Amino acid sequence: MEDLFARLERTLNPELPSLTESQQQLLQELSIDENQPGTILRDF
């Protein structure tokens, strides 16, 4: 039963892939405000 819960946890909480250095740089330089990056933020 313990093994079942361990497998279930791995399925429900998969590790996120790591970001490359260029992807990290892009996110750090990204500007987010009421007008950018786009309309999706206005929906919330």
C-alpha atoms as a PDB file:
ATOM      1  CA  MET A   1       0.000   0.000   0.000  1.00  0.00           C
ATOM      2  CA  GLU A   2       2.884   2.343   0.782  1.00  0.00           C
ATOM      3  CA  ASP A   3       4.254   1.811  -2.731  1.00  0.00           C
ATOM      4  CA  LEU A   4       0.878   2.767  -4.196  1.00  0.00           C
ATOM      5  CA  PHE A   5       0.910   6.122  -2.389  1.00  0.00           C
ATOM      6  CA  ALA A   6       4.500   6.798  -3.451  1.00  0.00           C
ATOM      7  CA  ARG A   7       3.606   6.172  -7.096  1.00  0.00           C
ATOM      8  CA  LEU A   8       0.457   8.266  -6.771  1.00  0.00           C
ATOM      9  CA  GLU A   9       2.440  11.187  -5.342  1.00  0.00           C
ATOM     10  CA  ARG A  10       4.957  11.025  -8.229  1.00  0.00           C
ATOM     11  CA  THR A  11       2.070  11.022 -10.693  1.00  0.00           C
ATOM     12  CA  LEU A  12       0.244  13.941  -9.100  1.00  0.00           C
ATOM     13  CA  ASN A  13       3.372  16.010  -8.361  1.00  0.00           C
ATOM     14  CA  PRO A  14       5.723  15.593 -11.307  1.00  0.00           C
ATOM     15  CA  GLU A  15       8.945  17.582 -11.227  1.00  0.00           C
ATOM     16  CA  LEU A  16       8.998  20.584 -13.481  1.00  0.00           C
ATOM     17  CA  PRO A  17      11.694  20.607 -16.135  1.00  0.00           C
ATOM     18  CA  SER A  18      14.533  22.990 -15.384  1.00  0.00           C
ATOM     19  CA  LEU A  19      14.821  26.159 -17.415  1.00  0.00           C
ATOM     20  CA  THR A  20      17.771  26.900 -19.621  1.00  0.00           C
ATOM     21  CA  GLU A  21      19.860  29.971 -18.886  1.00  0.00           C
ATOM     22  CA  SER A  22      18.342  31.822 -21.860  1.00  0.00           C
ATOM     23  CA  GLN A  23      14.801  31.003 -20.669  1.00  0.00           C
ATOM     24  CA  GLN A  24      15.625  32.289 -17.182  1.00  0.00           C
ATOM     25  CA  GLN A  25      17.056  35.493 -18.665  1.00  0.00           C
ATOM     26  CA  LEU A  26      13.929  35.994 -20.781  1.00  0.00           C
ATOM     27  CA  LEU A  27      11.656  35.647 -17.739  1.00  0.00           C
ATOM     28  CA  GLN A  28      13.772  38.067 -15.712  1.00  0.00           C
ATOM     29  CA  GLU A  29      13.593  40.681 -18.476  1.00  0.00           C
ATOM     30  CA  LEU A  30       9.864  40.224 -19.086  1.00  0.00           C
ATOM     31  CA  SER A  31       7.771  43.213 -18.132  1.00  0.00           C
ATOM     32  CA  ILE A  32       4.308  42.484 -16.762  1.00  0.00           C
ATOM     33  CA  ASP A  33       1.849  45.279 -16.062  1.00  0.00           C
ATOM     34  CA  GLU A  34      -1.765  46.153 -16.811  1.00  0.00           C
ATOM     35  CA  ASN A  35      -1.032  46.458 -20.543  1.00  0.00           C
ATOM     36  CA  GLN A  36       1.439  43.644 -21.120  1.00  0.00           C
ATOM     37  CA  PRO A  37       2.055  40.794 -21.811  1.00  0.00           C
ATOM     38  CA  GLY A  38      -1.488  40.595 -23.120  1.00  0.00           C
ATOM     39  CA  THR A  39      -5.209  40.363 -22.575  1.00  0.00           C
ATOM     40  CA  ILE A  40      -5.202  37.235 -20.433  1.00  0.00           C
ATOM     41  CA  LEU A  41      -4.264  39.245 -17.333  1.00  0.00           C
ATOM     42  CA  ARG A  42      -7.282  41.494 -17.852  1.00  0.00           C
ATOM     43  CA  ASP A  43      -9.547  38.463 -17.487  1.00  0.00           C
ATOM     44  CA  PHE A  44      -8.603  38.116 -13.826  1.00  0.00           C
END
